[in-house]
Every structure is written in structure tokens, then in C-alpha cells.
Amino acid sequence: MANMVGDEVLLNCTITVGGEANGISGEVEWWRDGQPIDFKNTKKYISKVKRDSRTIIHTLRILSASSEDDGSYSCKTVDAPESTHMLHICPYGMVAEQCKGYLGLYLH
């Protein structure tokens, strides 16, 4: 599915632990293109955490995505390996099929 300008985008960072998740801090830092994300900007970014006995899921919500949100997103924690997501936002007015072709040109 293509991410379009104006969409809400969700990125998940899942930490799975061998024992109980309660003993693990599970704190993560979200980064975009090597820079920490500023969660003071609550009109742009929201971070949520969901826990069960062996899994911690951190979700980064990007509200009203724009082309400036393109980039490499990483979540980092001391308790698990880094996870990276590439995010591409298609220009306003493109339909999903056009966007796939646009991204193919953009990525090569």
C-alpha cells in the first residue's frame, strides 16, 4: 500500500523477549535519517506502547504525512537490535498505481 501525502502513517517496532517483558525496560528512541525524532511536536508525531507478557510494540504515528517525511526510520533500544523502516510518501494527486511507478524510478 502506498503512503500518500496527507495520510496517517504507522511504523511498528516490536521487541520480543525470551522471559517476561516486565523485567525489560523496552524504552526505544525513534530516529529519522540519523536524527532523533522530536516528540514535542505532537501535531506531527505520536508514540504509543503496547505490552504483553513477551512482546513490547512501539508504534510511531506520523500525522498528515508530507514529502518531508520521506526517509529511513529506525527504532533503537538497549534491549534488542535496531529496526529500520524506509518510508516514501507519494506526491499529492497520484493514485496508488502511479505511485508504484514513481517509487520504482525514485528508488533506482
PDB file of N, CA and C in Angstrom:
ATOM      1  N   MET A   1       0.844  -1.187   0.000  1.00  0.00           N
ATOM      2  CA  MET A   1       0.000   0.000   0.000  1.00  0.00           C
ATOM      3  C   MET A   1       0.883   1.241   0.000  1.00  0.00           C
ATOM      4  N   ALA A   2       0.521   2.192  -0.801  1.00  0.00           N
ATOM      5  CA  ALA A   2       1.305   3.418  -0.920  1.00  0.00           C
ATOM      6  C   ALA A   2       0.944   4.396   0.194  1.00  0.00           C
ATOM      7  N   ASN A   3       1.943   5.101   0.661  1.00  0.00           N
ATOM      8  CA  ASN A   3       1.722   6.181   1.621  1.00  0.00           C
ATOM      9  C   ASN A   3       1.595   7.474   0.830  1.00  0.00           C
ATOM     10  N   MET A   4       0.465   8.131   0.963  1.00  0.00           N
ATOM     11  CA  MET A   4       0.191   9.330   0.188  1.00  0.00           C
ATOM     12  C   MET A   4       0.286  10.570   1.073  1.00  0.00           C
ATOM     13  N   VAL A   5       0.556  11.701   0.442  1.00  0.00           N
ATOM     14  CA  VAL A   5       0.560  12.975   1.160  1.00  0.00           C
ATOM     15  C   VAL A   5      -0.771  13.123   1.881  1.00  0.00           C
ATOM     16  N   GLY A   6      -0.711  13.499   3.152  1.00  0.00           N
ATOM     17  CA  GLY A   6      -1.912  13.677   3.955  1.00  0.00           C
ATOM     18  C   GLY A   6      -2.323  12.455   4.755  1.00  0.00           C
ATOM     19  N   ASP A   7      -1.768  11.277   4.409  1.00  0.00           N
ATOM     20  CA  ASP A   7      -2.102  10.046   5.136  1.00  0.00           C
ATOM     21  C   ASP A   7      -1.535  10.061   6.546  1.00  0.00           C
ATOM     22  N   GLU A   8      -2.144   9.269   7.413  1.00  0.00           N
ATOM     23  CA  GLU A   8      -1.544   8.941   8.704  1.00  0.00           C
ATOM     24  C   GLU A   8      -0.744   7.660   8.487  1.00  0.00           C
ATOM     25  N   VAL A   9       0.518   7.667   8.888  1.00  0.00           N
ATOM     26  CA  VAL A   9       1.401   6.523   8.679  1.00  0.00           C
ATOM     27  C   VAL A   9       1.765   5.921  10.032  1.00  0.00           C
ATOM     28  N   LEU A  10       1.716   4.588  10.127  1.00  0.00           N
ATOM     29  CA  LEU A  10       2.077   3.880  11.355  1.00  0.00           C
ATOM     30  C   LEU A  10       3.304   3.019  11.100  1.00  0.00           C
ATOM     31  N   LEU A  11       4.321   3.153  11.949  1.00  0.00           N
ATOM     32  CA  LEU A  11       5.508   2.303  11.903  1.00  0.00           C
ATOM     33  C   LEU A  11       5.603   1.578  13.237  1.00  0.00           C
ATOM     34  N   ASN A  12       5.815   0.261  13.194  1.00  0.00           N
ATOM     35  CA  ASN A  12       5.900  -0.527  14.422  1.00  0.00           C
ATOM     36  C   ASN A  12       7.320  -0.997  14.682  1.00  0.00           C
ATOM     37  N   CYS A  13       7.678  -1.005  15.941  1.00  0.00           N
ATOM     38  CA  CYS A  13       8.944  -1.547  16.418  1.00  0.00           C
ATOM     39  C   CYS A  13       8.577  -2.589  17.468  1.00  0.00           C
ATOM     40  N   THR A  14       8.805  -3.864  17.154  1.00  0.00           N
ATOM     41  CA  THR A  14       8.402  -4.944  18.048  1.00  0.00           C
ATOM     42  C   THR A  14       9.616  -5.543  18.736  1.00  0.00           C
ATOM     43  N   ILE A  15       9.552  -5.607  20.053  1.00  0.00           N
ATOM     44  CA  ILE A  15      10.613  -6.215  20.854  1.00  0.00           C
ATOM     45  C   ILE A  15      10.031  -7.481  21.465  1.00  0.00           C
ATOM     46  N   THR A  16      10.639  -8.629  21.139  1.00  0.00           N
ATOM     47  CA  THR A  16      10.209  -9.901  21.706  1.00  0.00           C
ATOM     48  C   THR A  16      11.298 -10.380  22.649  1.00  0.00           C
ATOM     49  N   VAL A  17      10.910 -10.744  23.855  1.00  0.00           N
ATOM     50  CA  VAL A  17      11.882 -11.162  24.863  1.00  0.00           C
ATOM     51  C   VAL A  17      11.674 -12.632  25.211  1.00  0.00           C
ATOM     52  N   GLY A  18      12.765 -13.286  25.662  1.00  0.00           N
ATOM     53  CA  GLY A  18      12.699 -14.704  25.998  1.00  0.00           C
ATOM     54  C   GLY A  18      11.890 -14.973  27.254  1.00  0.00           C
ATOM     55  N   GLY A  19      12.030 -14.112  28.255  1.00  0.00           N
ATOM     56  CA  GLY A  19      11.297 -14.291  29.507  1.00  0.00           C
ATOM     57  C   GLY A  19      10.155 -13.305  29.577  1.00  0.00           C
ATOM     58  N   GLU A  20       9.835 -12.886  30.771  1.00  0.00           N
ATOM     59  CA  GLU A  20       8.767 -11.904  30.964  1.00  0.00           C
ATOM     60  C   GLU A  20       9.216 -10.524  30.485  1.00  0.00           C
ATOM     61  N   ALA A  21       8.358  -9.816  29.788  1.00  0.00           N
ATOM     62  CA  ALA A  21       8.665  -8.472  29.295  1.00  0.00           C
ATOM     63  C   ALA A  21       8.694  -7.455  30.428  1.00  0.00           C
ATOM     64  N   ASN A  22       8.138  -7.801  31.579  1.00  0.00           N
ATOM     65  CA  ASN A  22       8.073  -6.857  32.696  1.00  0.00           C
ATOM     66  C   ASN A  22       9.451  -6.446  33.200  1.00  0.00           C
ATOM     67  N   GLY A  23      10.459  -7.334  33.099  1.00  0.00           N
ATOM     68  CA  GLY A  23      11.797  -7.023  33.579  1.00  0.00           C
ATOM     69  C   GLY A  23      12.628  -6.222  32.594  1.00  0.00           C
ATOM     70  N   ILE A  24      12.134  -6.012  31.400  1.00  0.00           N
ATOM     71  CA  ILE A  24      12.843  -5.292  30.346  1.00  0.00           C
ATOM     72  C   ILE A  24      12.297  -3.873  30.279  1.00  0.00           C
ATOM     73  N   SER A  25      13.202  -2.899  30.137  1.00  0.00           N
ATOM     74  CA  SER A  25      12.716  -1.511  30.071  1.00  0.00           C
ATOM     75  C   SER A  25      11.893  -1.291  28.807  1.00  0.00           C
ATOM     76  N   GLY A  26      12.373  -1.829  27.686  1.00  0.00           N
ATOM     77  CA  GLY A  26      11.630  -1.694  26.442  1.00  0.00           C
ATOM     78  C   GLY A  26      11.550  -0.280  25.907  1.00  0.00           C
ATOM     79  N   GLU A  27      12.309   0.628  26.491  1.00  0.00           N
ATOM     80  CA  GLU A  27      12.311   2.007  26.001  1.00  0.00           C
ATOM     81  C   GLU A  27      12.986   2.055  24.635  1.00  0.00           C
ATOM     82  N   VAL A  28      12.415   2.820  23.729  1.00  0.00           N
ATOM     83  CA  VAL A  28      13.027   2.984  22.411  1.00  0.00           C
ATOM     84  C   VAL A  28      13.206   4.460  22.102  1.00  0.00           C
ATOM     85  N   GLU A  29      14.126   4.710  21.207  1.00  0.00           N
ATOM     86  CA  GLU A  29      14.300   6.033  20.608  1.00  0.00           C
ATOM     87  C   GLU A  29      13.996   5.871  19.128  1.00  0.00           C
ATOM     88  N   TRP A  30      13.195   6.764  18.593  1.00  0.00           N
ATOM     89  CA  TRP A  30      12.914   6.771  17.160  1.00  0.00           C
ATOM     90  C   TRP A  30      13.818   7.804  16.499  1.00  0.00           C
ATOM     91  N   TRP A  31      14.387   7.422  15.351  1.00  0.00           N
ATOM     92  CA  TRP A  31      15.296   8.285  14.597  1.00  0.00           C
ATOM     93  C   TRP A  31      14.822   8.353  13.153  1.00  0.00           C
ATOM     94  N   ARG A  32      15.050   9.481  12.496  1.00  0.00           N
ATOM     95  CA  ARG A  32      14.784   9.634  11.062  1.00  0.00           C
ATOM     96  C   ARG A  32      16.033  10.165  10.403  1.00  0.00           C
ATOM     97  N   ASP A  33      16.558   9.408   9.446  1.00  0.00           N
ATOM     98  CA  ASP A  33      17.778   9.776   8.722  1.00  0.00           C
ATOM     99  C   ASP A  33      18.911  10.146   9.678  1.00  0.00           C
ATOM    100  N   GLY A  34      19.066   9.349  10.734  1.00  0.00           N
ATOM    101  CA  GLY A  34      20.168   9.546  11.670  1.00  0.00           C
ATOM    102  C   GLY A  34      19.963  10.626  12.712  1.00  0.00           C
ATOM    103  N   GLN A  35      18.786  11.250  12.744  1.00  0.00           N
ATOM    104  CA  GLN A  35      18.489  12.308  13.713  1.00  0.00           C
ATOM    105  C   GLN A  35      17.338  11.864  14.614  1.00  0.00           C
ATOM    106  N   PRO A  36      17.439  12.135  15.927  1.00  0.00           N
ATOM    107  CA  PRO A  36      16.337  11.746  16.816  1.00  0.00           C
ATOM    108  C   PRO A  36      15.059  12.520  16.487  1.00  0.00           C
ATOM    109  N   ILE A  37      13.926  11.847  16.594  1.00  0.00           N
ATOM    110  CA  ILE A  37      12.633  12.485  16.338  1.00  0.00           C
ATOM    111  C   ILE A  37      12.219  13.275  17.570  1.00  0.00           C
ATOM    112  N   ASP A  38      11.744  14.478  17.344  1.00  0.00           N
ATOM    113  CA  ASP A  38      11.314  15.366  18.421  1.00  0.00           C
ATOM    114  C   ASP A  38       9.836  15.124  18.712  1.00  0.00           C
ATOM    115  N   PHE A  39       9.552  14.422  19.809  1.00  0.00           N
ATOM    116  CA  PHE A  39       8.167  14.116  20.158  1.00  0.00           C
ATOM    117  C   PHE A  39       7.467  15.282  20.833  1.00  0.00           C
ATOM    118  N   LYS A  40       8.145  16.407  20.970  1.00  0.00           N
ATOM    119  CA  LYS A  40       7.471  17.612  21.466  1.00  0.00           C
ATOM    120  C   LYS A  40       6.506  18.136  20.406  1.00  0.00           C
ATOM    121  N   ASN A  41       6.768  17.769  19.139  1.00  0.00           N
ATOM    122  CA  ASN A  41       5.900  18.170  18.034  1.00  0.00           C
ATOM    123  C   ASN A  41       4.730  17.188  17.952  1.00  0.00           C
ATOM    124  N   THR A  42       3.761  17.332  18.851  1.00  0.00           N
ATOM    125  CA  THR A  42       2.637  16.393  18.917  1.00  0.00           C
ATOM    126  C   THR A  42       1.640  16.572  17.777  1.00  0.00           C
ATOM    127  N   LYS A  43       1.801  17.616  16.977  1.00  0.00           N
ATOM    128  CA  LYS A  43       0.944  17.773  15.798  1.00  0.00           C
ATOM    129  C   LYS A  43       1.469  16.931  14.640  1.00  0.00           C
ATOM    130  N   LYS A  44       2.693  16.395  14.780  1.00  0.00           N
ATOM    131  CA  LYS A  44       3.309  15.608  13.725  1.00  0.00           C
ATOM    132  C   LYS A  44       3.526  14.151  14.129  1.00  0.00           C
ATOM    133  N   TYR A  45       4.026  13.938  15.356  1.00  0.00           N
ATOM    134  CA  TYR A  45       4.409  12.595  15.794  1.00  0.00           C
ATOM    135  C   TYR A  45       3.739  12.213  17.110  1.00  0.00           C
ATOM    136  N   ILE A  46       3.316  10.945  17.184  1.00  0.00           N
ATOM    137  CA  ILE A  46       2.793  10.385  18.427  1.00  0.00           C
ATOM    138  C   ILE A  46       3.410   8.995  18.578  1.00  0.00           C
ATOM    139  N   SER A  47       3.861   8.671  19.770  1.00  0.00           N
ATOM    140  CA  SER A  47       4.423   7.353  20.053  1.00  0.00           C
ATOM    141  C   SER A  47       3.545   6.653  21.088  1.00  0.00           C
ATOM    142  N   LYS A  48       3.199   5.404  20.803  1.00  0.00           N
ATOM    143  CA  LYS A  48       2.378   4.596  21.717  1.00  0.00           C
ATOM    144  C   LYS A  48       3.117   3.299  22.025  1.00  0.00           C
ATOM    145  N   VAL A  49       2.858   2.741  23.201  1.00  0.00           N
ATOM    146  CA  VAL A  49       3.478   1.483  23.616  1.00  0.00           C
ATOM    147  C   VAL A  49       2.394   0.505  24.053  1.00  0.00           C
ATOM    148  N   LYS A  50       2.514  -0.742  23.588  1.00  0.00           N
ATOM    149  CA  LYS A  50       1.604  -1.812  23.996  1.00  0.00           C
ATOM    150  C   LYS A  50       2.470  -2.984  24.466  1.00  0.00           C
ATOM    151  N   ARG A  51       2.152  -3.527  25.638  1.00  0.00           N
ATOM    152  CA  ARG A  51       2.923  -4.638  26.210  1.00  0.00           C
ATOM    153  C   ARG A  51       2.029  -5.841  26.473  1.00  0.00           C
ATOM    154  N   ASP A  52       2.605  -7.035  26.289  1.00  0.00           N
ATOM    155  CA  ASP A  52       2.017  -8.232  26.860  1.00  0.00           C
ATOM    156  C   ASP A  52       3.160  -8.987  27.533  1.00  0.00           C
ATOM    157  N   SER A  53       2.987 -10.245  27.868  1.00  0.00           N
ATOM    158  CA  SER A  53       3.993 -10.927  28.686  1.00  0.00           C
ATOM    159  C   SER A  53       5.356 -11.064  28.006  1.00  0.00           C
ATOM    160  N   ARG A  54       5.417 -11.195  26.677  1.00  0.00           N
ATOM    161  CA  ARG A  54       6.698 -11.400  25.998  1.00  0.00           C
ATOM    162  C   ARG A  54       6.968 -10.432  24.853  1.00  0.00           C
ATOM    163  N   THR A  55       6.093  -9.506  24.627  1.00  0.00           N
ATOM    164  CA  THR A  55       6.231  -8.605  23.486  1.00  0.00           C
ATOM    165  C   THR A  55       5.958  -7.165  23.902  1.00  0.00           C
ATOM    166  N   ILE A  56       6.776  -6.266  23.372  1.00  0.00           N
ATOM    167  CA  ILE A  56       6.558  -4.832  23.545  1.00  0.00           C
ATOM    168  C   ILE A  56       6.502  -4.236  22.143  1.00  0.00           C
ATOM    169  N   ILE A  57       5.410  -3.551  21.822  1.00  0.00           N
ATOM    170  CA  ILE A  57       5.253  -2.947  20.495  1.00  0.00           C
ATOM    171  C   ILE A  57       5.202  -1.434  20.657  1.00  0.00           C
ATOM    172  N   HIS A  58       6.166  -0.768  20.037  1.00  0.00           N
ATOM    173  CA  HIS A  58       6.179   0.694  19.983  1.00  0.00           C
ATOM    174  C   HIS A  58       5.670   1.091  18.604  1.00  0.00           C
ATOM    175  N   THR A  59       4.691   1.974  18.563  1.00  0.00           N
ATOM    176  CA  THR A  59       4.141   2.447  17.298  1.00  0.00           C
ATOM    177  C   THR A  59       4.403   3.934  17.159  1.00  0.00           C
ATOM    178  N   LEU A  60       5.002   4.306  16.038  1.00  0.00           N
ATOM    179  CA  LEU A  60       5.215   5.710  15.696  1.00  0.00           C
ATOM    180  C   LEU A  60       4.114   6.105  14.727  1.00  0.00           C
ATOM    181  N   ARG A  61       3.310   7.096  15.094  1.00  0.00           N
ATOM    182  CA  ARG A  61       2.268   7.639  14.212  1.00  0.00           C
ATOM    183  C   ARG A  61       2.771   8.945  13.633  1.00  0.00           C
ATOM    184  N   ILE A  62       2.763   9.021  12.315  1.00  0.00           N
ATOM    185  CA  ILE A  62       3.099  10.259  11.620  1.00  0.00           C
ATOM    186  C   ILE A  62       1.784  10.817  11.111  1.00  0.00           C
ATOM    187  N   LEU A  63       1.398  11.956  11.643  1.00  0.00           N
ATOM    188  CA  LEU A  63       0.116  12.560  11.294  1.00  0.00           C
ATOM    189  C   LEU A  63       0.272  13.415  10.046  1.00  0.00           C
ATOM    190  N   SER A  64      -0.650  13.297   9.131  1.00  0.00           N
ATOM    191  CA  SER A  64      -0.670  14.106   7.916  1.00  0.00           C
ATOM    192  C   SER A  64       0.698  14.119   7.231  1.00  0.00           C
ATOM    193  N   ALA A  65       1.092  12.952   6.709  1.00  0.00           N
ATOM    194  CA  ALA A  65       2.409  12.788   6.087  1.00  0.00           C
ATOM    195  C   ALA A  65       2.614  13.753   4.924  1.00  0.00           C
ATOM    196  N   SER A  66       3.850  14.193   4.778  1.00  0.00           N
ATOM    197  CA  SER A  66       4.226  15.061   3.658  1.00  0.00           C
ATOM    198  C   SER A  66       5.513  14.522   3.041  1.00  0.00           C
ATOM    199  N   SER A  67       5.922  15.076   1.912  1.00  0.00           N
ATOM    200  CA  SER A  67       7.143  14.608   1.254  1.00  0.00           C
ATOM    201  C   SER A  67       8.362  14.786   2.147  1.00  0.00           C
ATOM    202  N   GLU A  68       8.316  15.723   3.091  1.00  0.00           N
ATOM    203  CA  GLU A  68       9.437  15.909   4.020  1.00  0.00           C
ATOM    204  C   GLU A  68       9.590  14.724   4.973  1.00  0.00           C
ATOM    205  N   ASP A  69       8.569  13.859   5.052  1.00  0.00           N
ATOM    206  CA  ASP A  69       8.636  12.698   5.933  1.00  0.00           C
ATOM    207  C   ASP A  69       9.314  11.498   5.285  1.00  0.00           C
ATOM    208  N   ASP A  70       9.664  11.589   3.987  1.00  0.00           N
ATOM    209  CA  ASP A  70      10.435  10.525   3.338  1.00  0.00           C
ATOM    210  C   ASP A  70      11.700  10.273   4.143  1.00  0.00           C
ATOM    211  N   GLY A  71      12.115   9.030   4.232  1.00  0.00           N
ATOM    212  CA  GLY A  71      13.397   8.768   4.866  1.00  0.00           C
ATOM    213  C   GLY A  71      13.490   7.402   5.500  1.00  0.00           C
ATOM    214  N   SER A  72      14.597   7.198   6.180  1.00  0.00           N
ATOM    215  CA  SER A  72      14.889   5.960   6.875  1.00  0.00           C
ATOM    216  C   SER A  72      14.589   6.150   8.357  1.00  0.00           C
ATOM    217  N   TYR A  73      13.609   5.419   8.857  1.00  0.00           N
ATOM    218  CA  TYR A  73      13.200   5.499  10.258  1.00  0.00           C
ATOM    219  C   TYR A  73      13.762   4.299  11.007  1.00  0.00           C
ATOM    220  N   SER A  74      14.345   4.558  12.167  1.00  0.00           N
ATOM    221  CA  SER A  74      14.913   3.495  12.993  1.00  0.00           C
ATOM    222  C   SER A  74      14.381   3.600  14.404  1.00  0.00           C
ATOM    223  N   CYS A  75      14.185   2.452  15.023  1.00  0.00           N
ATOM    224  CA  CYS A  75      13.927   2.454  16.461  1.00  0.00           C
ATOM    225  C   CYS A  75      15.102   1.739  17.106  1.00  0.00           C
ATOM    226  N   LYS A  76      15.613   2.337  18.164  1.00  0.00           N
ATOM    227  CA  LYS A  76      16.793   1.804  18.842  1.00  0.00           C
ATOM    228  C   LYS A  76      16.463   1.583  20.307  1.00  0.00           C
ATOM    229  N   THR A  77      16.949   0.466  20.830  1.00  0.00           N
ATOM    230  CA  THR A  77      16.774   0.146  22.240  1.00  0.00           C
ATOM    231  C   THR A  77      18.003  -0.599  22.733  1.00  0.00           C
ATOM    232  N   VAL A  78      18.272  -0.522  24.018  1.00  0.00           N
ATOM    233  CA  VAL A  78      19.410  -1.255  24.575  1.00  0.00           C
ATOM    234  C   VAL A  78      19.080  -2.733  24.722  1.00  0.00           C
ATOM    235  N   ASP A  79      17.799  -3.088  24.688  1.00  0.00           N
ATOM    236  CA  ASP A  79      17.363  -4.458  24.948  1.00  0.00           C
ATOM    237  C   ASP A  79      17.213  -5.325  23.702  1.00  0.00           C
ATOM    238  N   ALA A  80      17.352  -4.750  22.503  1.00  0.00           N
ATOM    239  CA  ALA A  80      17.121  -5.515  21.275  1.00  0.00           C
ATOM    240  C   ALA A  80      17.855  -4.842  20.117  1.00  0.00           C
ATOM    241  N   PRO A  81      18.045  -5.577  19.007  1.00  0.00           N
ATOM    242  CA  PRO A  81      18.701  -4.973  17.838  1.00  0.00           C
ATOM    243  C   PRO A  81      17.876  -3.829  17.253  1.00  0.00           C
ATOM    244  N   GLU A  82      18.553  -2.951  16.526  1.00  0.00           N
ATOM    245  CA  GLU A  82      17.890  -1.821  15.863  1.00  0.00           C
ATOM    246  C   GLU A  82      16.981  -2.333  14.754  1.00  0.00           C
ATOM    247  N   SER A  83      15.878  -1.655  14.552  1.00  0.00           N
ATOM    248  CA  SER A  83      14.934  -1.970  13.482  1.00  0.00           C
ATOM    249  C   SER A  83      14.814  -0.740  12.591  1.00  0.00           C
ATOM    250  N   THR A  84      14.844  -0.943  11.267  1.00  0.00           N
ATOM    251  CA  THR A  84      14.802   0.182  10.333  1.00  0.00           C
ATOM    252  C   THR A  84      13.659   0.008   9.341  1.00  0.00           C
ATOM    253  N   HIS A  85      12.976   1.115   9.033  1.00  0.00           N
ATOM    254  CA  HIS A  85      11.898   1.150   8.044  1.00  0.00           C
ATOM    255  C   HIS A  85      12.217   2.255   7.040  1.00  0.00           C
ATOM    256  N   MET A  86      12.055   1.968   5.748  1.00  0.00           N
ATOM    257  CA  MET A  86      12.146   3.020   4.736  1.00  0.00           C
ATOM    258  C   MET A  86      10.734   3.517   4.468  1.00  0.00           C
ATOM    259  N   LEU A  87      10.558   4.826   4.486  1.00  0.00           N
ATOM    260  CA  LEU A  87       9.241   5.414   4.274  1.00  0.00           C
ATOM    261  C   LEU A  87       9.306   6.341   3.075  1.00  0.00           C
ATOM    262  N   HIS A  88       8.396   6.150   2.130  1.00  0.00           N
ATOM    263  CA  HIS A  88       8.293   7.020   0.964  1.00  0.00           C
ATOM    264  C   HIS A  88       6.864   7.536   0.881  1.00  0.00           C
ATOM    265  N   ILE A  89       6.732   8.826   0.682  1.00  0.00           N
ATOM    266  CA  ILE A  89       5.427   9.474   0.576  1.00  0.00           C
ATOM    267  C   ILE A  89       5.230   9.896  -0.872  1.00  0.00           C
ATOM    268  N   CYS A  90       4.126   9.459  -1.474  1.00  0.00           N
ATOM    269  CA  CYS A  90       3.840   9.800  -2.867  1.00  0.00           C
ATOM    270  C   CYS A  90       3.237  11.193  -2.961  1.00  0.00           C
ATOM    271  N   PRO A  91       3.569  11.909  -4.029  1.00  0.00           N
ATOM    272  CA  PRO A  91       3.042  13.266  -4.199  1.00  0.00           C
ATOM    273  C   PRO A  91       1.521  13.297  -4.235  1.00  0.00           C
ATOM    274  N   TYR A  92       0.965  14.397  -3.784  1.00  0.00           N
ATOM    275  CA  TYR A  92      -0.477  14.611  -3.770  1.00  0.00           C
ATOM    276  C   TYR A  92      -1.021  14.499  -5.187  1.00  0.00           C
ATOM    277  N   GLY A  93      -2.142  13.819  -5.336  1.00  0.00           N
ATOM    278  CA  GLY A  93      -2.802  13.716  -6.629  1.00  0.00           C
ATOM    279  C   GLY A  93      -2.473  12.437  -7.381  1.00  0.00           C
ATOM    280  N   MET A  94      -1.439  11.709  -6.979  1.00  0.00           N
ATOM    281  CA  MET A  94      -1.119  10.443  -7.631  1.00  0.00           C
ATOM    282  C   MET A  94      -2.013   9.349  -7.068  1.00  0.00           C
ATOM    283  N   VAL A  95      -2.475   8.466  -7.947  1.00  0.00           N
ATOM    284  CA  VAL A  95      -3.201   7.296  -7.466  1.00  0.00           C
ATOM    285  C   VAL A  95      -2.176   6.217  -7.142  1.00  0.00           C
ATOM    286  N   ALA A  96      -2.579   5.197  -6.397  1.00  0.00           N
ATOM    287  CA  ALA A  96      -1.648   4.178  -5.905  1.00  0.00           C
ATOM    288  C   ALA A  96      -0.839   3.534  -7.029  1.00  0.00           C
ATOM    289  N   GLU A  97      -1.470   3.226  -8.177  1.00  0.00           N
ATOM    290  CA  GLU A  97      -0.746   2.586  -9.276  1.00  0.00           C
ATOM    291  C   GLU A  97       0.335   3.506  -9.835  1.00  0.00           C
ATOM    292  N   GLN A  98       0.036   4.790  -9.979  1.00  0.00           N
ATOM    293  CA  GLN A  98       1.040   5.746 -10.443  1.00  0.00           C
ATOM    294  C   GLN A  98       2.177   5.843  -9.438  1.00  0.00           C
ATOM    295  N   CYS A  99       1.832   5.797  -8.176  1.00  0.00           N
ATOM    296  CA  CYS A  99       2.815   5.933  -7.116  1.00  0.00           C
ATOM    297  C   CYS A  99       3.821   4.789  -7.156  1.00  0.00           C
ATOM    298  N   LYS A 100       3.368   3.568  -7.448  1.00  0.00           N
ATOM    299  CA  LYS A 100       4.289   2.430  -7.525  1.00  0.00           C
ATOM    300  C   LYS A 100       5.352   2.684  -8.583  1.00  0.00           C
ATOM    301  N   GLY A 101       4.951   3.187  -9.745  1.00  0.00           N
ATOM    302  CA  GLY A 101       5.912   3.516 -10.795  1.00  0.00           C
ATOM    303  C   GLY A 101       6.840   4.640 -10.379  1.00  0.00           C
ATOM    304  N   TYR A 102       6.298   5.638  -9.720  1.00  0.00           N
ATOM    305  CA  TYR A 102       7.081   6.773  -9.228  1.00  0.00           C
ATOM    306  C   TYR A 102       8.138   6.292  -8.244  1.00  0.00           C
ATOM    307  N   LEU A 103       7.747   5.409  -7.325  1.00  0.00           N
ATOM    308  CA  LEU A 103       8.700   4.901  -6.337  1.00  0.00           C
ATOM    309  C   LEU A 103       9.760   4.045  -6.997  1.00  0.00           C
ATOM    310  N   GLY A 104       9.392   3.281  -8.026  1.00  0.00           N
ATOM    311  CA  GLY A 104      10.377   2.480  -8.744  1.00  0.00           C
ATOM    312  C   GLY A 104      11.445   3.358  -9.370  1.00  0.00           C
ATOM    313  N   LEU A 105      11.042   4.473  -9.957  1.00  0.00           N
ATOM    314  CA  LEU A 105      12.007   5.418 -10.528  1.00  0.00           C
ATOM    315  C   LEU A 105      12.827   6.076  -9.433  1.00  0.00           C
ATOM    316  N   TYR A 106      12.171   6.405  -8.353  1.00  0.00           N
ATOM    317  CA  TYR A 106      12.808   7.108  -7.243  1.00  0.00           C
ATOM    318  C   TYR A 106      13.870   6.245  -6.567  1.00  0.00           C
ATOM    319  N   LEU A 107      13.606   4.924  -6.464  1.00  0.00           N
ATOM    320  CA  LEU A 107      14.499   4.035  -5.727  1.00  0.00           C
ATOM    321  C   LEU A 107      15.693   3.570  -6.546  1.00  0.00           C
ATOM    322  N   HIS A 108      15.647   3.688  -7.867  1.00  0.00           N
ATOM    323  CA  HIS A 108      16.753   3.169  -8.680  1.00  0.00           C
ATOM    324  C   HIS A 108      17.701   4.248  -9.100  1.00  0.00           C
TER     325      HIS A 108
END
